[in-house]
Amino acid sequence: MRSREPDTLLLLPLLPIFLVGVPPMLLLSFLGFAGLVILGILLICVGLADGLEANSNFNQQVIVHGYARRSERAIQASNLHSAIRFATLMHVAGAGLAITGLIGFFCFDFA
């Protein structure tokens, strides 16, 4: 007969995902709609930080390496535009969460 190994070892690789997902869920459950506003503000901050970092990297490449070939400039500009699009997406998502949280807070919390 074959011995059975415990099934709990199968759950061990999922532990980091659980630990990363617990704080946002606690934030939303304890704070409710105010938690959505806080999460939206945090997403806006992530977008700002990412956009500023992309501009900083682009400026550093221009200053350090000077006048580059056309293909290198195209790659740098493409990287900058890609990062700016991601930052804009974070701004929109953060603003959407903040607005949703404010609407929910004022419409449903005082009822």
PDB file of N, CA and C in Angstrom:
ATOM      1  N   MET A   1       0.817  -1.168   0.000  1.00  0.00           N
ATOM      2  CA  MET A   1       0.000   0.000   0.000  1.00  0.00           C
ATOM      3  C   MET A   1       0.875   1.252   0.000  1.00  0.00           C
ATOM      4  N   ARG A   2       0.409   2.240  -0.668  1.00  0.00           N
ATOM      5  CA  ARG A   2       1.163   3.474  -0.784  1.00  0.00           C
ATOM      6  C   ARG A   2       0.804   4.421   0.357  1.00  0.00           C
ATOM      7  N   SER A   3       1.817   5.084   0.915  1.00  0.00           N
ATOM      8  CA  SER A   3       1.536   6.030   2.007  1.00  0.00           C
ATOM      9  C   SER A   3       1.107   7.366   1.418  1.00  0.00           C
ATOM     10  N   ARG A   4       0.200   8.002   2.102  1.00  0.00           N
ATOM     11  CA  ARG A   4      -0.307   9.286   1.640  1.00  0.00           C
ATOM     12  C   ARG A   4       0.463  10.409   2.301  1.00  0.00           C
ATOM     13  N   GLU A   5       0.875  11.380   1.507  1.00  0.00           N
ATOM     14  CA  GLU A   5       1.534  12.566   2.041  1.00  0.00           C
ATOM     15  C   GLU A   5       0.455  13.579   2.398  1.00  0.00           C
ATOM     16  N   PRO A   6       0.748  14.415   3.370  1.00  0.00           N
ATOM     17  CA  PRO A   6      -0.274  15.405   3.740  1.00  0.00           C
ATOM     18  C   PRO A   6      -0.529  16.398   2.603  1.00  0.00           C
ATOM     19  N   ASP A   7      -1.787  16.765   2.466  1.00  0.00           N
ATOM     20  CA  ASP A   7      -2.174  17.703   1.411  1.00  0.00           C
ATOM     21  C   ASP A   7      -1.816  19.141   1.751  1.00  0.00           C
ATOM     22  N   THR A   8      -1.446  19.396   2.976  1.00  0.00           N
ATOM     23  CA  THR A   8      -1.114  20.768   3.357  1.00  0.00           C
ATOM     24  C   THR A   8       0.158  21.257   2.675  1.00  0.00           C
ATOM     25  N   LEU A   9       1.031  20.361   2.262  1.00  0.00           N
ATOM     26  CA  LEU A   9       2.240  20.784   1.555  1.00  0.00           C
ATOM     27  C   LEU A   9       1.911  21.369   0.184  1.00  0.00           C
ATOM     28  N   LEU A  10       0.772  21.001  -0.366  1.00  0.00           N
ATOM     29  CA  LEU A  10       0.357  21.583  -1.643  1.00  0.00           C
ATOM     30  C   LEU A  10      -0.011  23.055  -1.501  1.00  0.00           C
ATOM     31  N   LEU A  11      -0.426  23.458  -0.316  1.00  0.00           N
ATOM     32  CA  LEU A  11      -0.821  24.849  -0.082  1.00  0.00           C
ATOM     33  C   LEU A  11       0.359  25.756   0.222  1.00  0.00           C
ATOM     34  N   LEU A  12       1.512  25.209   0.493  1.00  0.00           N
ATOM     35  CA  LEU A  12       2.676  26.011   0.865  1.00  0.00           C
ATOM     36  C   LEU A  12       3.094  27.000  -0.221  1.00  0.00           C
ATOM     37  N   PRO A  13       3.097  26.646  -1.509  1.00  0.00           N
ATOM     38  CA  PRO A  13       3.458  27.659  -2.518  1.00  0.00           C
ATOM     39  C   PRO A  13       2.460  28.813  -2.611  1.00  0.00           C
ATOM     40  N   LEU A  14       1.243  28.628  -2.140  1.00  0.00           N
ATOM     41  CA  LEU A  14       0.239  29.688  -2.198  1.00  0.00           C
ATOM     42  C   LEU A  14       0.333  30.662  -1.025  1.00  0.00           C
ATOM     43  N   LEU A  15       1.161  30.366  -0.052  1.00  0.00           N
ATOM     44  CA  LEU A  15       1.274  31.216   1.130  1.00  0.00           C
ATOM     45  C   LEU A  15       1.726  32.641   0.807  1.00  0.00           C
ATOM     46  N   PRO A  16       2.726  32.870  -0.057  1.00  0.00           N
ATOM     47  CA  PRO A  16       3.100  34.263  -0.360  1.00  0.00           C
ATOM     48  C   PRO A  16       1.972  35.058  -1.006  1.00  0.00           C
ATOM     49  N   ILE A  17       1.189  34.413  -1.864  1.00  0.00           N
ATOM     50  CA  ILE A  17       0.066  35.112  -2.488  1.00  0.00           C
ATOM     51  C   ILE A  17      -0.954  35.512  -1.430  1.00  0.00           C
ATOM     52  N   PHE A  18      -1.196  34.624  -0.485  1.00  0.00           N
ATOM     53  CA  PHE A  18      -2.114  34.932   0.605  1.00  0.00           C
ATOM     54  C   PHE A  18      -1.595  36.091   1.448  1.00  0.00           C
ATOM     55  N   LEU A  19      -0.314  36.068   1.778  1.00  0.00           N
ATOM     56  CA  LEU A  19       0.255  37.122   2.623  1.00  0.00           C
ATOM     57  C   LEU A  19       0.256  38.475   1.923  1.00  0.00           C
ATOM     58  N   VAL A  20       0.420  38.494   0.599  1.00  0.00           N
ATOM     59  CA  VAL A  20       0.374  39.752  -0.136  1.00  0.00           C
ATOM     60  C   VAL A  20      -1.063  40.254  -0.242  1.00  0.00           C
ATOM     61  N   GLY A  21      -2.028  39.350  -0.332  1.00  0.00           N
ATOM     62  CA  GLY A  21      -3.416  39.749  -0.520  1.00  0.00           C
ATOM     63  C   GLY A  21      -4.166  40.099   0.745  1.00  0.00           C
ATOM     64  N   VAL A  22      -3.640  39.754   1.908  1.00  0.00           N
ATOM     65  CA  VAL A  22      -4.361  40.009   3.159  1.00  0.00           C
ATOM     66  C   VAL A  22      -4.469  41.495   3.503  1.00  0.00           C
ATOM     67  N   PRO A  23      -3.394  42.301   3.441  1.00  0.00           N
ATOM     68  CA  PRO A  23      -3.547  43.711   3.851  1.00  0.00           C
ATOM     69  C   PRO A  23      -4.589  44.494   3.062  1.00  0.00           C
ATOM     70  N   PRO A  24      -4.667  44.378   1.712  1.00  0.00           N
ATOM     71  CA  PRO A  24      -5.730  45.123   1.025  1.00  0.00           C
ATOM     72  C   PRO A  24      -7.132  44.668   1.433  1.00  0.00           C
ATOM     73  N   MET A  25      -7.294  43.374   1.641  1.00  0.00           N
ATOM     74  CA  MET A  25      -8.616  42.892   2.033  1.00  0.00           C
ATOM     75  C   MET A  25      -8.986  43.390   3.430  1.00  0.00           C
ATOM     76  N   LEU A  26      -8.021  43.425   4.332  1.00  0.00           N
ATOM     77  CA  LEU A  26      -8.297  43.967   5.661  1.00  0.00           C
ATOM     78  C   LEU A  26      -8.586  45.459   5.592  1.00  0.00           C
ATOM     79  N   LEU A  27      -7.854  46.166   4.734  1.00  0.00           N
ATOM     80  CA  LEU A  27      -8.082  47.598   4.563  1.00  0.00           C
ATOM     81  C   LEU A  27      -9.513  47.852   4.105  1.00  0.00           C
ATOM     82  N   LEU A  28      -9.968  47.074   3.122  1.00  0.00           N
ATOM     83  CA  LEU A  28     -11.315  47.275   2.610  1.00  0.00           C
ATOM     84  C   LEU A  28     -12.378  46.829   3.611  1.00  0.00           C
ATOM     85  N   SER A  29     -12.115  45.749   4.341  1.00  0.00           N
ATOM     86  CA  SER A  29     -13.137  45.272   5.265  1.00  0.00           C
ATOM     87  C   SER A  29     -13.245  46.147   6.502  1.00  0.00           C
ATOM     88  N   PHE A  30     -12.155  46.670   6.990  1.00  0.00           N
ATOM     89  CA  PHE A  30     -12.208  47.506   8.191  1.00  0.00           C
ATOM     90  C   PHE A  30     -12.628  48.940   7.904  1.00  0.00           C
ATOM     91  N   LEU A  31     -12.229  49.463   6.751  1.00  0.00           N
ATOM     92  CA  LEU A  31     -12.503  50.866   6.453  1.00  0.00           C
ATOM     93  C   LEU A  31     -13.664  51.081   5.499  1.00  0.00           C
ATOM     94  N   GLY A  32     -14.092  50.049   4.797  1.00  0.00           N
ATOM     95  CA  GLY A  32     -15.231  50.168   3.891  1.00  0.00           C
ATOM     96  C   GLY A  32     -14.930  51.080   2.713  1.00  0.00           C
ATOM     97  N   PHE A  33     -15.824  52.037   2.473  1.00  0.00           N
ATOM     98  CA  PHE A  33     -15.659  52.932   1.333  1.00  0.00           C
ATOM     99  C   PHE A  33     -14.473  53.866   1.512  1.00  0.00           C
ATOM    100  N   ALA A  34     -14.152  54.213   2.761  1.00  0.00           N
ATOM    101  CA  ALA A  34     -12.960  55.034   2.994  1.00  0.00           C
ATOM    102  C   ALA A  34     -11.705  54.263   2.581  1.00  0.00           C
ATOM    103  N   GLY A  35     -11.726  52.946   2.708  1.00  0.00           N
ATOM    104  CA  GLY A  35     -10.612  52.119   2.249  1.00  0.00           C
ATOM    105  C   GLY A  35     -10.432  52.192   0.740  1.00  0.00           C
ATOM    106  N   LEU A  36     -11.555  52.261   0.012  1.00  0.00           N
ATOM    107  CA  LEU A  36     -11.461  52.438  -1.440  1.00  0.00           C
ATOM    108  C   LEU A  36     -10.822  53.772  -1.795  1.00  0.00           C
ATOM    109  N   VAL A  37     -11.161  54.806  -1.054  1.00  0.00           N
ATOM    110  CA  VAL A  37     -10.568  56.121  -1.300  1.00  0.00           C
ATOM    111  C   VAL A  37      -9.064  56.063  -1.037  1.00  0.00           C
ATOM    112  N   ILE A  38      -8.676  55.438   0.068  1.00  0.00           N
ATOM    113  CA  ILE A  38      -7.250  55.324   0.392  1.00  0.00           C
ATOM    114  C   ILE A  38      -6.525  54.505  -0.666  1.00  0.00           C
ATOM    115  N   LEU A  39      -7.128  53.411  -1.108  1.00  0.00           N
ATOM    116  CA  LEU A  39      -6.513  52.582  -2.147  1.00  0.00           C
ATOM    117  C   LEU A  39      -6.394  53.362  -3.455  1.00  0.00           C
ATOM    118  N   GLY A  40      -7.391  54.174  -3.775  1.00  0.00           N
ATOM    119  CA  GLY A  40      -7.321  55.011  -4.977  1.00  0.00           C
ATOM    120  C   GLY A  40      -6.204  56.031  -4.893  1.00  0.00           C
ATOM    121  N   ILE A  41      -6.051  56.649  -3.739  1.00  0.00           N
ATOM    122  CA  ILE A  41      -4.973  57.622  -3.551  1.00  0.00           C
ATOM    123  C   ILE A  41      -3.616  56.935  -3.665  1.00  0.00           C
ATOM    124  N   LEU A  42      -3.505  55.725  -3.123  1.00  0.00           N
ATOM    125  CA  LEU A  42      -2.247  54.983  -3.242  1.00  0.00           C
ATOM    126  C   LEU A  42      -1.939  54.641  -4.702  1.00  0.00           C
ATOM    127  N   LEU A  43      -2.963  54.277  -5.481  1.00  0.00           N
ATOM    128  CA  LEU A  43      -2.738  53.991  -6.903  1.00  0.00           C
ATOM    129  C   LEU A  43      -2.313  55.242  -7.663  1.00  0.00           C
ATOM    130  N   ILE A  44      -2.876  56.381  -7.318  1.00  0.00           N
ATOM    131  CA  ILE A  44      -2.464  57.630  -7.952  1.00  0.00           C
ATOM    132  C   ILE A  44      -1.004  57.926  -7.615  1.00  0.00           C
ATOM    133  N   CYS A  45      -0.605  57.668  -6.375  1.00  0.00           N
ATOM    134  CA  CYS A  45       0.795  57.867  -5.982  1.00  0.00           C
ATOM    135  C   CYS A  45       1.725  56.930  -6.745  1.00  0.00           C
ATOM    136  N   VAL A  46       1.287  55.693  -6.973  1.00  0.00           N
ATOM    137  CA  VAL A  46       2.094  54.750  -7.763  1.00  0.00           C
ATOM    138  C   VAL A  46       2.250  55.270  -9.185  1.00  0.00           C
ATOM    139  N   GLY A  47       1.184  55.782  -9.753  1.00  0.00           N
ATOM    140  CA  GLY A  47       1.266  56.334 -11.101  1.00  0.00           C
ATOM    141  C   GLY A  47       2.195  57.532 -11.183  1.00  0.00           C
ATOM    142  N   LEU A  48       2.119  58.415 -10.196  1.00  0.00           N
ATOM    143  CA  LEU A  48       3.014  59.568 -10.176  1.00  0.00           C
ATOM    144  C   LEU A  48       4.468  59.138 -10.052  1.00  0.00           C
ATOM    145  N   ALA A  49       4.735  58.204  -9.153  1.00  0.00           N
ATOM    146  CA  ALA A  49       6.112  57.736  -8.957  1.00  0.00           C
ATOM    147  C   ALA A  49       6.643  57.072 -10.225  1.00  0.00           C
ATOM    148  N   ASP A  50       5.824  56.271 -10.888  1.00  0.00           N
ATOM    149  CA  ASP A  50       6.267  55.592 -12.096  1.00  0.00           C
ATOM    150  C   ASP A  50       6.523  56.590 -13.227  1.00  0.00           C
ATOM    151  N   GLY A  51       5.653  57.566 -13.375  1.00  0.00           N
ATOM    152  CA  GLY A  51       5.850  58.584 -14.411  1.00  0.00           C
ATOM    153  C   GLY A  51       7.093  59.422 -14.167  1.00  0.00           C
ATOM    154  N   LEU A  52       7.316  59.813 -12.916  1.00  0.00           N
ATOM    155  CA  LEU A  52       8.510  60.595 -12.598  1.00  0.00           C
ATOM    156  C   LEU A  52       9.785  59.780 -12.789  1.00  0.00           C
ATOM    157  N   GLU A  53       9.737  58.499 -12.442  1.00  0.00           N
ATOM    158  CA  GLU A  53      10.899  57.638 -12.638  1.00  0.00           C
ATOM    159  C   GLU A  53      11.202  57.463 -14.127  1.00  0.00           C
ATOM    160  N   ALA A  54      10.166  57.334 -14.949  1.00  0.00           N
ATOM    161  CA  ALA A  54      10.374  57.199 -16.390  1.00  0.00           C
ATOM    162  C   ALA A  54      10.993  58.465 -16.974  1.00  0.00           C
ATOM    163  N   ASN A  55      10.497  59.620 -16.548  1.00  0.00           N
ATOM    164  CA  ASN A  55      11.087  60.878 -17.022  1.00  0.00           C
ATOM    165  C   ASN A  55      12.524  61.023 -16.552  1.00  0.00           C
ATOM    166  N   SER A  56      12.788  60.610 -15.328  1.00  0.00           N
ATOM    167  CA  SER A  56      14.151  60.677 -14.797  1.00  0.00           C
ATOM    168  C   SER A  56      15.092  59.778 -15.592  1.00  0.00           C
ATOM    169  N   ASN A  57      14.640  58.550 -15.897  1.00  0.00           N
ATOM    170  CA  ASN A  57      15.477  57.641 -16.689  1.00  0.00           C
ATOM    171  C   ASN A  57      15.731  58.194 -18.083  1.00  0.00           C
ATOM    172  N   PHE A  58      14.711  58.768 -18.691  1.00  0.00           N
ATOM    173  CA  PHE A  58      14.875  59.342 -20.031  1.00  0.00           C
ATOM    174  C   PHE A  58      15.859  60.501 -20.002  1.00  0.00           C
ATOM    175  N   ASN A  59      15.699  61.398 -19.032  1.00  0.00           N
ATOM    176  CA  ASN A  59      16.606  62.541 -18.929  1.00  0.00           C
ATOM    177  C   ASN A  59      18.028  62.099 -18.628  1.00  0.00           C
ATOM    178  N   GLN A  60      18.183  61.074 -17.797  1.00  0.00           N
ATOM    179  CA  GLN A  60      19.515  60.570 -17.487  1.00  0.00           C
ATOM    180  C   GLN A  60      20.177  59.996 -18.738  1.00  0.00           C
ATOM    181  N   GLN A  61      19.420  59.275 -19.542  1.00  0.00           N
ATOM    182  CA  GLN A  61      19.983  58.736 -20.773  1.00  0.00           C
ATOM    183  C   GLN A  61      20.417  59.857 -21.714  1.00  0.00           C
ATOM    184  N   VAL A  62      19.605  60.907 -21.809  1.00  0.00           N
ATOM    185  CA  VAL A  62      19.934  62.016 -22.700  1.00  0.00           C
ATOM    186  C   VAL A  62      21.161  62.762 -22.187  1.00  0.00           C
ATOM    187  N   ILE A  63      21.231  62.995 -20.874  1.00  0.00           N
ATOM    188  CA  ILE A  63      22.345  63.759 -20.316  1.00  0.00           C
ATOM    189  C   ILE A  63      23.638  62.958 -20.335  1.00  0.00           C
ATOM    190  N   VAL A  64      23.577  61.707 -19.907  1.00  0.00           N
ATOM    191  CA  VAL A  64      24.792  60.904 -19.791  1.00  0.00           C
ATOM    192  C   VAL A  64      25.335  60.511 -21.162  1.00  0.00           C
ATOM    193  N   HIS A  65      24.464  60.037 -22.048  1.00  0.00           N
ATOM    194  CA  HIS A  65      24.927  59.535 -23.334  1.00  0.00           C
ATOM    195  C   HIS A  65      24.908  60.595 -24.428  1.00  0.00           C
ATOM    196  N   GLY A  66      24.320  61.720 -24.147  1.00  0.00           N
ATOM    197  CA  GLY A  66      24.331  62.798 -25.122  1.00  0.00           C
ATOM    198  C   GLY A  66      23.482  62.490 -26.338  1.00  0.00           C
ATOM    199  N   TYR A  67      23.937  63.022 -27.455  1.00  0.00           N
ATOM    200  CA  TYR A  67      23.196  62.854 -28.703  1.00  0.00           C
ATOM    201  C   TYR A  67      23.382  61.428 -29.200  1.00  0.00           C
ATOM    202  N   ALA A  68      22.294  60.672 -29.226  1.00  0.00           N
ATOM    203  CA  ALA A  68      22.351  59.259 -29.611  1.00  0.00           C
ATOM    204  C   ALA A  68      21.899  59.093 -31.059  1.00  0.00           C
ATOM    205  N   ARG A  69      22.125  57.887 -31.576  1.00  0.00           N
ATOM    206  CA  ARG A  69      21.639  57.581 -32.918  1.00  0.00           C
ATOM    207  C   ARG A  69      20.114  57.582 -32.919  1.00  0.00           C
ATOM    208  N   ARG A  70      19.575  57.657 -34.110  1.00  0.00           N
ATOM    209  CA  ARG A  70      18.118  57.741 -34.254  1.00  0.00           C
ATOM    210  C   ARG A  70      17.432  56.503 -33.684  1.00  0.00           C
ATOM    211  N   SER A  71      17.991  55.317 -33.874  1.00  0.00           N
ATOM    212  CA  SER A  71      17.368  54.092 -33.369  1.00  0.00           C
ATOM    213  C   SER A  71      17.375  54.070 -31.838  1.00  0.00           C
ATOM    214  N   GLU A  72      18.464  54.534 -31.223  1.00  0.00           N
ATOM    215  CA  GLU A  72      18.521  54.572 -29.754  1.00  0.00           C
ATOM    216  C   GLU A  72      17.539  55.593 -29.197  1.00  0.00           C
ATOM    217  N   ARG A  73      17.427  56.735 -29.870  1.00  0.00           N
ATOM    218  CA  ARG A  73      16.450  57.735 -29.416  1.00  0.00           C
ATOM    219  C   ARG A  73      15.034  57.197 -29.528  1.00  0.00           C
ATOM    220  N   ALA A  74      14.762  56.430 -30.566  1.00  0.00           N
ATOM    221  CA  ALA A  74      13.427  55.845 -30.750  1.00  0.00           C
ATOM    222  C   ALA A  74      13.127  54.844 -29.641  1.00  0.00           C
ATOM    223  N   ILE A  75      14.116  54.056 -29.266  1.00  0.00           N
ATOM    224  CA  ILE A  75      13.923  53.089 -28.175  1.00  0.00           C
ATOM    225  C   ILE A  75      13.671  53.813 -26.863  1.00  0.00           C
ATOM    226  N   GLN A  76      14.456  54.854 -26.597  1.00  0.00           N
ATOM    227  CA  GLN A  76      14.270  55.617 -25.357  1.00  0.00           C
ATOM    228  C   GLN A  76      12.898  56.291 -25.326  1.00  0.00           C
ATOM    229  N   ALA A  77      12.499  56.860 -26.439  1.00  0.00           N
ATOM    230  CA  ALA A  77      11.185  57.514 -26.503  1.00  0.00           C
ATOM    231  C   ALA A  77      10.066  56.490 -26.354  1.00  0.00           C
ATOM    232  N   SER A  78      10.242  55.316 -26.947  1.00  0.00           N
ATOM    233  CA  SER A  78       9.235  54.265 -26.823  1.00  0.00           C
ATOM    234  C   SER A  78       9.109  53.799 -25.369  1.00  0.00           C
ATOM    235  N   ASN A  79      10.233  53.629 -24.689  1.00  0.00           N
ATOM    236  CA  ASN A  79      10.195  53.250 -23.271  1.00  0.00           C
ATOM    237  C   ASN A  79       9.511  54.320 -22.435  1.00  0.00           C
ATOM    238  N   LEU A  80       9.795  55.585 -22.736  1.00  0.00           N
ATOM    239  CA  LEU A  80       9.164  56.687 -22.000  1.00  0.00           C
ATOM    240  C   LEU A  80       7.655  56.687 -22.228  1.00  0.00           C
ATOM    241  N   HIS A  81       7.228  56.535 -23.470  1.00  0.00           N
ATOM    242  CA  HIS A  81       5.792  56.545 -23.766  1.00  0.00           C
ATOM    243  C   HIS A  81       5.078  55.356 -23.139  1.00  0.00           C
ATOM    244  N   SER A  82       5.724  54.213 -23.123  1.00  0.00           N
ATOM    245  CA  SER A  82       5.131  53.030 -22.499  1.00  0.00           C
ATOM    246  C   SER A  82       4.938  53.252 -20.994  1.00  0.00           C
ATOM    247  N   ALA A  83       5.944  53.807 -20.353  1.00  0.00           N
ATOM    248  CA  ALA A  83       5.834  54.071 -18.911  1.00  0.00           C
ATOM    249  C   ALA A  83       4.786  55.142 -18.624  1.00  0.00           C
ATOM    250  N   ILE A  84       4.694  56.133 -19.479  1.00  0.00           N
ATOM    251  CA  ILE A  84       3.696  57.195 -19.285  1.00  0.00           C
ATOM    252  C   ILE A  84       2.288  56.634 -19.461  1.00  0.00           C
ATOM    253  N   ARG A  85       2.095  55.714 -20.417  1.00  0.00           N
ATOM    254  CA  ARG A  85       0.780  55.088 -20.586  1.00  0.00           C
ATOM    255  C   ARG A  85       0.399  54.283 -19.345  1.00  0.00           C
ATOM    256  N   PHE A  86       1.360  53.541 -18.786  1.00  0.00           N
ATOM    257  CA  PHE A  86       1.086  52.781 -17.570  1.00  0.00           C
ATOM    258  C   PHE A  86       0.758  53.720 -16.412  1.00  0.00           C
ATOM    259  N   ALA A  87       1.488  54.820 -16.291  1.00  0.00           N
ATOM    260  CA  ALA A  87       1.222  55.781 -15.222  1.00  0.00           C
ATOM    261  C   ALA A  87      -0.161  56.409 -15.395  1.00  0.00           C
ATOM    262  N   THR A  88      -0.543  56.687 -16.635  1.00  0.00           N
ATOM    263  CA  THR A  88      -1.870  57.244 -16.889  1.00  0.00           C
ATOM    264  C   THR A  88      -2.953  56.238 -16.517  1.00  0.00           C
ATOM    265  N   LEU A  89      -2.721  54.971 -16.811  1.00  0.00           N
ATOM    266  CA  LEU A  89      -3.664  53.923 -16.418  1.00  0.00           C
ATOM    267  C   LEU A  89      -3.807  53.862 -14.900  1.00  0.00           C
ATOM    268  N   MET A  90      -2.701  53.996 -14.189  1.00  0.00           N
ATOM    269  CA  MET A  90      -2.750  54.001 -12.723  1.00  0.00           C
ATOM    270  C   MET A  90      -3.502  55.227 -12.206  1.00  0.00           C
ATOM    271  N   HIS A  91      -3.311  56.380 -12.855  1.00  0.00           N
ATOM    272  CA  HIS A  91      -4.046  57.587 -12.458  1.00  0.00           C
ATOM    273  C   HIS A  91      -5.546  57.393 -12.628  1.00  0.00           C
ATOM    274  N   VAL A  92      -5.931  56.846 -13.770  1.00  0.00           N
ATOM    275  CA  VAL A  92      -7.359  56.649 -14.057  1.00  0.00           C
ATOM    276  C   VAL A  92      -7.965  55.633 -13.090  1.00  0.00           C
ATOM    277  N   ALA A  93      -7.259  54.533 -12.848  1.00  0.00           N
ATOM    278  CA  ALA A  93      -7.776  53.517 -11.927  1.00  0.00           C
ATOM    279  C   ALA A  93      -7.869  54.075 -10.508  1.00  0.00           C
ATOM    280  N   GLY A  94      -6.864  54.823 -10.092  1.00  0.00           N
ATOM    281  CA  GLY A  94      -6.890  55.422  -8.752  1.00  0.00           C
ATOM    282  C   GLY A  94      -8.003  56.443  -8.609  1.00  0.00           C
ATOM    283  N   ALA A  95      -8.171  57.273  -9.623  1.00  0.00           N
ATOM    284  CA  ALA A  95      -9.251  58.254  -9.569  1.00  0.00           C
ATOM    285  C   ALA A  95     -10.611  57.564  -9.565  1.00  0.00           C
ATOM    286  N   GLY A  96     -10.751  56.500 -10.343  1.00  0.00           N
ATOM    287  CA  GLY A  96     -12.007  55.754 -10.353  1.00  0.00           C
ATOM    288  C   GLY A  96     -12.317  55.142  -8.998  1.00  0.00           C
ATOM    289  N   LEU A  97     -11.302  54.550  -8.366  1.00  0.00           N
ATOM    290  CA  LEU A  97     -11.523  53.987  -7.030  1.00  0.00           C
ATOM    291  C   LEU A  97     -11.848  55.067  -6.009  1.00  0.00           C
ATOM    292  N   ALA A  98     -11.146  56.187  -6.082  1.00  0.00           N
ATOM    293  CA  ALA A  98     -11.403  57.271  -5.134  1.00  0.00           C
ATOM    294  C   ALA A  98     -12.815  57.839  -5.320  1.00  0.00           C
ATOM    295  N   ILE A  99     -13.225  58.032  -6.556  1.00  0.00           N
ATOM    296  CA  ILE A  99     -14.568  58.564  -6.819  1.00  0.00           C
ATOM    297  C   ILE A  99     -15.631  57.556  -6.386  1.00  0.00           C
ATOM    298  N   THR A 100     -15.401  56.275  -6.687  1.00  0.00           N
ATOM    299  CA  THR A 100     -16.346  55.235  -6.259  1.00  0.00           C
ATOM    300  C   THR A 100     -16.447  55.191  -4.739  1.00  0.00           C
ATOM    301  N   GLY A 101     -15.317  55.292  -4.068  1.00  0.00           N
ATOM    302  CA  GLY A 101     -15.322  55.293  -2.604  1.00  0.00           C
ATOM    303  C   GLY A 101     -16.039  56.499  -2.035  1.00  0.00           C
ATOM    304  N   LEU A 102     -15.827  57.668  -2.628  1.00  0.00           N
ATOM    305  CA  LEU A 102     -16.513  58.874  -2.145  1.00  0.00           C
ATOM    306  C   LEU A 102     -18.019  58.789  -2.370  1.00  0.00           C
ATOM    307  N   ILE A 103     -18.419  58.306  -3.544  1.00  0.00           N
ATOM    308  CA  ILE A 103     -19.857  58.154  -3.815  1.00  0.00           C
ATOM    309  C   ILE A 103     -20.465  57.149  -2.842  1.00  0.00           C
ATOM    310  N   GLY A 104     -19.796  56.032  -2.661  1.00  0.00           N
ATOM    311  CA  GLY A 104     -20.311  55.032  -1.716  1.00  0.00           C
ATOM    312  C   GLY A 104     -20.341  55.542  -0.294  1.00  0.00           C
ATOM    313  N   PHE A 105     -19.325  56.301   0.083  1.00  0.00           N
ATOM    314  CA  PHE A 105     -19.261  56.821   1.453  1.00  0.00           C
ATOM    315  C   PHE A 105     -20.411  57.800   1.716  1.00  0.00           C
ATOM    316  N   PHE A 106     -20.639  58.719   0.782  1.00  0.00           N
ATOM    317  CA  PHE A 106     -21.675  59.713   1.013  1.00  0.00           C
ATOM    318  C   PHE A 106     -23.078  59.186   0.746  1.00  0.00           C
ATOM    319  N   CYS A 107     -23.243  58.225  -0.134  1.00  0.00           N
ATOM    320  CA  CYS A 107     -24.583  57.718  -0.451  1.00  0.00           C
ATOM    321  C   CYS A 107     -25.038  56.604   0.473  1.00  0.00           C
ATOM    322  N   PHE A 108     -24.132  55.745   0.924  1.00  0.00           N
ATOM    323  CA  PHE A 108     -24.551  54.552   1.638  1.00  0.00           C
ATOM    324  C   PHE A 108     -24.137  54.523   3.105  1.00  0.00           C
ATOM    325  N   ASP A 109     -23.171  55.291   3.524  1.00  0.00           N
ATOM    326  CA  ASP A 109     -22.728  55.248   4.915  1.00  0.00           C
ATOM    327  C   ASP A 109     -23.650  56.019   5.854  1.00  0.00           C
ATOM    328  N   PHE A 110     -24.300  57.032   5.354  1.00  0.00           N
ATOM    329  CA  PHE A 110     -25.140  57.848   6.229  1.00  0.00           C
ATOM    330  C   PHE A 110     -26.586  57.364   6.250  1.00  0.00           C
ATOM    331  N   ALA A 111     -26.913  56.329   5.526  1.00  0.00           N
ATOM    332  CA  ALA A 111     -28.293  55.867   5.449  1.00  0.00           C
ATOM    333  C   ALA A 111     -28.723  55.136   6.714  1.00  0.00           C
TER     334      ALA A 111
END
